[in-house]
């Protein structure tokens, strides 16, 4: 179990990670399939500081530039003020019967304007949202799946990036 904490700290199995700065990326890469936890009230800026160590992986795996999203996060441009980003998984059941888990984000709107997304809180929900073509719903059922570091990266560098760029493009 990997936990990302405030001020760029990382813990593994409830022990603070004490490795040289230049080895943090290797540790995170080796932990990409591990369940991830985020400290309460962790900000998007603090998360981006830790994800900096995976900059090369993000470019190779997601074909996204870490610096591009980090610039959007800290630029001060905000179209729709949000207070929180919740990372969760969506289960899609296709008409062929395939089960597809996709990491997604849900935003919590804020009533007042802010400058930039850096102070937005990031949290994780292990509850799975189910969508299918047959009307199945998990409204009254608890279906859960842990969020891995790879899921978190997908939610941030695909879904949140799309949210920000679409929001900016619409205004």
C-alpha atoms as a PDB file:
ATOM      1  CA  UNK A   1       0.000   0.000   0.000  1.00  0.00           C
ATOM      2  CA  UNK A   2       1.405   3.335  -1.115  1.00  0.00           C
ATOM      3  CA  UNK A   3       0.219   6.598   0.412  1.00  0.00           C
ATOM      4  CA  UNK A   4       0.894  10.027  -1.024  1.00  0.00           C
ATOM      5  CA  UNK A   5       1.013  12.572   1.765  1.00  0.00           C
ATOM      6  CA  UNK A   6       1.163  16.310   2.120  1.00  0.00           C
ATOM      7  CA  UNK A   7       4.442  18.123   1.448  1.00  0.00           C
ATOM      8  CA  UNK A   8       5.548  15.492  -1.080  1.00  0.00           C
ATOM      9  CA  UNK A   9       5.967  12.680   1.413  1.00  0.00           C
ATOM     10  CA  UNK A  10       5.331   9.078   0.416  1.00  0.00           C
ATOM     11  CA  UNK A  11       4.804   6.119   2.694  1.00  0.00           C
ATOM     12  CA  UNK A  12       4.804   2.401   1.958  1.00  0.00           C
ATOM     13  CA  UNK A  13       3.102  -0.057   4.303  1.00  0.00           C
ATOM     14  CA  UNK A  14       2.612   2.815   6.808  1.00  0.00           C
ATOM     15  CA  UNK A  15       6.337   3.646   6.911  1.00  0.00           C
ATOM     16  CA  UNK A  16       7.608   6.942   5.535  1.00  0.00           C
ATOM     17  CA  UNK A  17       9.751   6.328   2.480  1.00  0.00           C
ATOM     18  CA  UNK A  18      13.339   7.374   3.061  1.00  0.00           C
ATOM     19  CA  UNK A  19      15.185   6.969  -0.224  1.00  0.00           C
ATOM     20  CA  UNK A  20      17.295   9.389  -2.246  1.00  0.00           C
ATOM     21  CA  UNK A  21      15.311  11.922  -4.263  1.00  0.00           C
ATOM     22  CA  UNK A  22      16.589  10.522  -7.567  1.00  0.00           C
ATOM     23  CA  UNK A  23      15.186   7.051  -6.724  1.00  0.00           C
ATOM     24  CA  UNK A  24      11.601   8.122  -5.958  1.00  0.00           C
ATOM     25  CA  UNK A  25      10.547   7.712  -9.594  1.00  0.00           C
ATOM     26  CA  UNK A  26      11.914   4.153  -9.680  1.00  0.00           C
ATOM     27  CA  UNK A  27      10.019   3.308  -6.479  1.00  0.00           C
ATOM     28  CA  UNK A  28       6.764   4.754  -7.844  1.00  0.00           C
ATOM     29  CA  UNK A  29       7.203   2.984 -11.172  1.00  0.00           C
ATOM     30  CA  UNK A  30       7.723  -0.337  -9.358  1.00  0.00           C
ATOM     31  CA  UNK A  31       4.528   0.435  -7.379  1.00  0.00           C
ATOM     32  CA  UNK A  32       2.334   1.380 -10.337  1.00  0.00           C
ATOM     33  CA  UNK A  33      -0.008  -1.596  -9.780  1.00  0.00           C
ATOM     34  CA  UNK A  34      -0.193  -1.086  -5.992  1.00  0.00           C
ATOM     35  CA  UNK A  35      -3.290   0.264  -4.286  1.00  0.00           C
ATOM     36  CA  UNK A  36      -2.863   3.976  -3.656  1.00  0.00           C
ATOM     37  CA  UNK A  37      -4.129   6.094  -0.780  1.00  0.00           C
ATOM     38  CA  UNK A  38      -4.115   9.871  -0.516  1.00  0.00           C
ATOM     39  CA  UNK A  39      -3.761  11.771   2.734  1.00  0.00           C
ATOM     40  CA  UNK A  40      -6.876  13.746   3.684  1.00  0.00           C
ATOM     41  CA  UNK A  41      -6.966  17.209   2.161  1.00  0.00           C
ATOM     42  CA  UNK A  42      -4.084  16.497  -0.247  1.00  0.00           C
ATOM     43  CA  UNK A  43      -4.088  19.254  -2.862  1.00  0.00           C
ATOM     44  CA  UNK A  44      -3.727  18.830  -6.594  1.00  0.00           C
ATOM     45  CA  UNK A  45      -0.507  20.837  -6.446  1.00  0.00           C
ATOM     46  CA  UNK A  46       0.959  18.462  -3.830  1.00  0.00           C
ATOM     47  CA  UNK A  47      -0.087  15.462  -5.928  1.00  0.00           C
ATOM     48  CA  UNK A  48       1.477  16.957  -9.067  1.00  0.00           C
ATOM     49  CA  UNK A  49       4.743  17.492  -7.162  1.00  0.00           C
ATOM     50  CA  UNK A  50       4.909  13.753  -6.371  1.00  0.00           C
ATOM     51  CA  UNK A  51       3.859  12.739  -9.892  1.00  0.00           C
ATOM     52  CA  UNK A  52       6.761  14.794 -11.253  1.00  0.00           C
ATOM     53  CA  UNK A  53       8.918  11.750 -10.534  1.00  0.00           C
ATOM     54  CA  UNK A  54       6.911   9.802 -13.143  1.00  0.00           C
ATOM     55  CA  UNK A  55       7.240  12.438 -15.850  1.00  0.00           C
ATOM     56  CA  UNK A  56       8.934  10.073 -18.344  1.00  0.00           C
ATOM     57  CA  UNK A  57       6.452   7.261 -17.685  1.00  0.00           C
ATOM     58  CA  UNK A  58       3.501   9.628 -18.188  1.00  0.00           C
ATOM     59  CA  UNK A  59       4.881  10.675 -21.568  1.00  0.00           C
ATOM     60  CA  UNK A  60       5.586   7.113 -22.710  1.00  0.00           C
ATOM     61  CA  UNK A  61       2.418   5.452 -21.368  1.00  0.00           C
ATOM     62  CA  UNK A  62      -0.235   8.157 -21.716  1.00  0.00           C
ATOM     63  CA  UNK A  63       1.419  10.153 -24.511  1.00  0.00           C
ATOM     64  CA  UNK A  64       0.863  13.211 -22.358  1.00  0.00           C
ATOM     65  CA  UNK A  65       3.268  15.855 -21.183  1.00  0.00           C
ATOM     66  CA  UNK A  66       3.483  16.248 -17.421  1.00  0.00           C
ATOM     67  CA  UNK A  67       4.574  19.884 -17.847  1.00  0.00           C
ATOM     68  CA  UNK A  68       1.532  20.765 -19.966  1.00  0.00           C
ATOM     69  CA  UNK A  69      -0.944  19.650 -17.299  1.00  0.00           C
ATOM     70  CA  UNK A  70       1.152  21.058 -14.464  1.00  0.00           C
ATOM     71  CA  UNK A  71       1.136  24.432 -16.237  1.00  0.00           C
ATOM     72  CA  UNK A  72      -2.660  24.301 -16.565  1.00  0.00           C
ATOM     73  CA  UNK A  73      -3.000  23.402 -12.880  1.00  0.00           C
ATOM     74  CA  UNK A  74      -0.841  26.271 -11.656  1.00  0.00           C
ATOM     75  CA  UNK A  75      -1.653  28.883 -14.323  1.00  0.00           C
ATOM     76  CA  UNK A  76      -4.485  30.599 -12.484  1.00  0.00           C
ATOM     77  CA  UNK A  77      -6.915  29.851 -15.321  1.00  0.00           C
ATOM     78  CA  UNK A  78     -10.155  28.488 -13.915  1.00  0.00           C
ATOM     79  CA  UNK A  79     -13.359  28.364 -15.888  1.00  0.00           C
ATOM     80  CA  UNK A  80     -15.475  26.407 -13.429  1.00  0.00           C
ATOM     81  CA  UNK A  81     -14.272  26.710  -9.827  1.00  0.00           C
ATOM     82  CA  UNK A  82     -14.081  23.321  -8.115  1.00  0.00           C
ATOM     83  CA  UNK A  83     -13.240  22.399  -4.553  1.00  0.00           C
ATOM     84  CA  UNK A  84     -12.494  18.711  -5.012  1.00  0.00           C
ATOM     85  CA  UNK A  85     -11.618  16.060  -7.552  1.00  0.00           C
ATOM     86  CA  UNK A  86     -12.776  12.546  -6.678  1.00  0.00           C
ATOM     87  CA  UNK A  87     -11.025   9.691  -8.471  1.00  0.00           C
ATOM     88  CA  UNK A  88     -13.126   6.561  -8.979  1.00  0.00           C
ATOM     89  CA  UNK A  89     -13.585   3.683 -11.420  1.00  0.00           C
ATOM     90  CA  UNK A  90     -16.385   3.261 -13.886  1.00  0.00           C
ATOM     91  CA  UNK A  91     -17.354  -0.226 -15.007  1.00  0.00           C
ATOM     92  CA  UNK A  92     -18.718  -0.427 -18.506  1.00  0.00           C
ATOM     93  CA  UNK A  93     -20.475  -3.602 -19.579  1.00  0.00           C
ATOM     94  CA  UNK A  94     -20.507  -3.736 -23.360  1.00  0.00           C
ATOM     95  CA  UNK A  95     -23.188  -5.383 -25.475  1.00  0.00           C
ATOM     96  CA  UNK A  96     -20.634  -8.136 -26.192  1.00  0.00           C
ATOM     97  CA  UNK A  97     -20.384  -8.807 -22.452  1.00  0.00           C
ATOM     98  CA  UNK A  98     -16.916  -7.269 -22.011  1.00  0.00           C
ATOM     99  CA  UNK A  99     -16.183  -5.656 -18.648  1.00  0.00           C
ATOM    100  CA  UNK A 100     -14.084  -2.499 -18.920  1.00  0.00           C
ATOM    101  CA  UNK A 101     -12.816  -0.552 -15.884  1.00  0.00           C
ATOM    102  CA  UNK A 102     -11.971   3.077 -16.615  1.00  0.00           C
ATOM    103  CA  UNK A 103     -10.490   5.486 -14.058  1.00  0.00           C
ATOM    104  CA  UNK A 104     -12.499   8.721 -14.008  1.00  0.00           C
ATOM    105  CA  UNK A 105     -12.860  11.936 -12.073  1.00  0.00           C
ATOM    106  CA  UNK A 106     -15.888  13.605 -10.573  1.00  0.00           C
ATOM    107  CA  UNK A 107     -15.629  17.270  -9.709  1.00  0.00           C
ATOM    108  CA  UNK A 108     -17.252  19.031  -6.764  1.00  0.00           C
ATOM    109  CA  UNK A 109     -18.234  22.556  -7.740  1.00  0.00           C
ATOM    110  CA  UNK A 110     -17.399  25.619  -5.675  1.00  0.00           C
ATOM    111  CA  UNK A 111     -19.617  28.678  -5.285  1.00  0.00           C
ATOM    112  CA  UNK A 112     -16.799  31.188  -5.409  1.00  0.00           C
ATOM    113  CA  UNK A 113     -14.000  31.825  -7.881  1.00  0.00           C
ATOM    114  CA  UNK A 114     -10.433  30.730  -7.249  1.00  0.00           C
ATOM    115  CA  UNK A 115      -7.167  31.267  -9.053  1.00  0.00           C
ATOM    116  CA  UNK A 116      -5.815  28.039 -10.482  1.00  0.00           C
ATOM    117  CA  UNK A 117      -6.484  24.463  -9.536  1.00  0.00           C
ATOM    118  CA  UNK A 118      -3.475  24.066  -7.233  1.00  0.00           C
ATOM    119  CA  UNK A 119      -5.527  24.156  -4.000  1.00  0.00           C
ATOM    120  CA  UNK A 120      -8.208  21.743  -5.195  1.00  0.00           C
ATOM    121  CA  UNK A 121      -8.470  18.713  -2.870  1.00  0.00           C
ATOM    122  CA  UNK A 122      -7.927  15.279  -4.453  1.00  0.00           C
ATOM    123  CA  UNK A 123      -9.597  12.218  -2.962  1.00  0.00           C
ATOM    124  CA  UNK A 124     -10.285   8.606  -3.887  1.00  0.00           C
ATOM    125  CA  UNK A 125     -13.542   6.678  -3.903  1.00  0.00           C
ATOM    126  CA  UNK A 126     -13.312   2.895  -4.186  1.00  0.00           C
ATOM    127  CA  UNK A 127     -17.004   2.670  -5.099  1.00  0.00           C
ATOM    128  CA  UNK A 128     -17.449   1.595  -8.708  1.00  0.00           C
ATOM    129  CA  UNK A 129     -20.028   3.303 -10.906  1.00  0.00           C
ATOM    130  CA  UNK A 130     -21.612   0.803 -13.326  1.00  0.00           C
ATOM    131  CA  UNK A 131     -22.909   1.631 -16.799  1.00  0.00           C
ATOM    132  CA  UNK A 132     -24.222  -0.861 -19.276  1.00  0.00           C
ATOM    133  CA  UNK A 133     -26.557  -1.089 -22.216  1.00  0.00           C
ATOM    134  CA  UNK A 134     -29.008  -3.323 -20.337  1.00  0.00           C
ATOM    135  CA  UNK A 135     -30.044  -0.963 -17.538  1.00  0.00           C
ATOM    136  CA  UNK A 136     -28.092  -2.676 -14.760  1.00  0.00           C
ATOM    137  CA  UNK A 137     -27.247  -0.295 -11.942  1.00  0.00           C
ATOM    138  CA  UNK A 138     -25.367  -0.608  -8.695  1.00  0.00           C
ATOM    139  CA  UNK A 139     -27.351   2.143  -6.986  1.00  0.00           C
ATOM    140  CA  UNK A 140     -28.304  -0.025  -3.989  1.00  0.00           C
ATOM    141  CA  UNK A 141     -25.378  -2.427  -4.220  1.00  0.00           C
ATOM    142  CA  UNK A 142     -21.872  -1.768  -3.036  1.00  0.00           C
ATOM    143  CA  UNK A 143     -19.395  -2.692  -5.723  1.00  0.00           C
ATOM    144  CA  UNK A 144     -15.878  -1.539  -4.962  1.00  0.00           C
ATOM    145  CA  UNK A 145     -12.450  -1.771  -6.474  1.00  0.00           C
ATOM    146  CA  UNK A 146      -9.212  -0.297  -5.135  1.00  0.00           C
ATOM    147  CA  UNK A 147      -7.565   2.537  -7.022  1.00  0.00           C
ATOM    148  CA  UNK A 148      -4.013   1.784  -8.120  1.00  0.00           C
ATOM    149  CA  UNK A 149      -1.299   4.295  -8.908  1.00  0.00           C
ATOM    150  CA  UNK A 150      -1.852   3.541 -12.615  1.00  0.00           C
ATOM    151  CA  UNK A 151      -5.589   4.292 -12.194  1.00  0.00           C
ATOM    152  CA  UNK A 152      -4.725   7.570 -10.480  1.00  0.00           C
ATOM    153  CA  UNK A 153      -2.347   8.523 -13.303  1.00  0.00           C
ATOM    154  CA  UNK A 154      -5.024   7.713 -15.889  1.00  0.00           C
ATOM    155  CA  UNK A 155      -7.629   9.793 -14.086  1.00  0.00           C
ATOM    156  CA  UNK A 156      -5.284  12.775 -13.737  1.00  0.00           C
ATOM    157  CA  UNK A 157      -3.500  12.707 -17.097  1.00  0.00           C
ATOM    158  CA  UNK A 158      -6.472  11.701 -19.217  1.00  0.00           C
ATOM    159  CA  UNK A 159      -9.810  12.532 -17.594  1.00  0.00           C
ATOM    160  CA  UNK A 160      -8.798  15.654 -15.612  1.00  0.00           C
ATOM    161  CA  UNK A 161      -6.663  16.975 -18.481  1.00  0.00           C
ATOM    162  CA  UNK A 162      -9.661  16.557 -20.812  1.00  0.00           C
ATOM    163  CA  UNK A 163     -11.911  18.294 -18.263  1.00  0.00           C
ATOM    164  CA  UNK A 164      -9.578  21.300 -18.027  1.00  0.00           C
ATOM    165  CA  UNK A 165      -8.903  21.626 -21.762  1.00  0.00           C
ATOM    166  CA  UNK A 166     -12.599  21.227 -22.686  1.00  0.00           C
ATOM    167  CA  UNK A 167     -13.597  23.789 -20.022  1.00  0.00           C
ATOM    168  CA  UNK A 168     -11.036  26.271 -21.343  1.00  0.00           C
ATOM    169  CA  UNK A 169     -12.075  25.591 -24.943  1.00  0.00           C
ATOM    170  CA  UNK A 170     -15.738  26.265 -24.199  1.00  0.00           C
ATOM    171  CA  UNK A 171     -15.053  29.761 -22.881  1.00  0.00           C
END
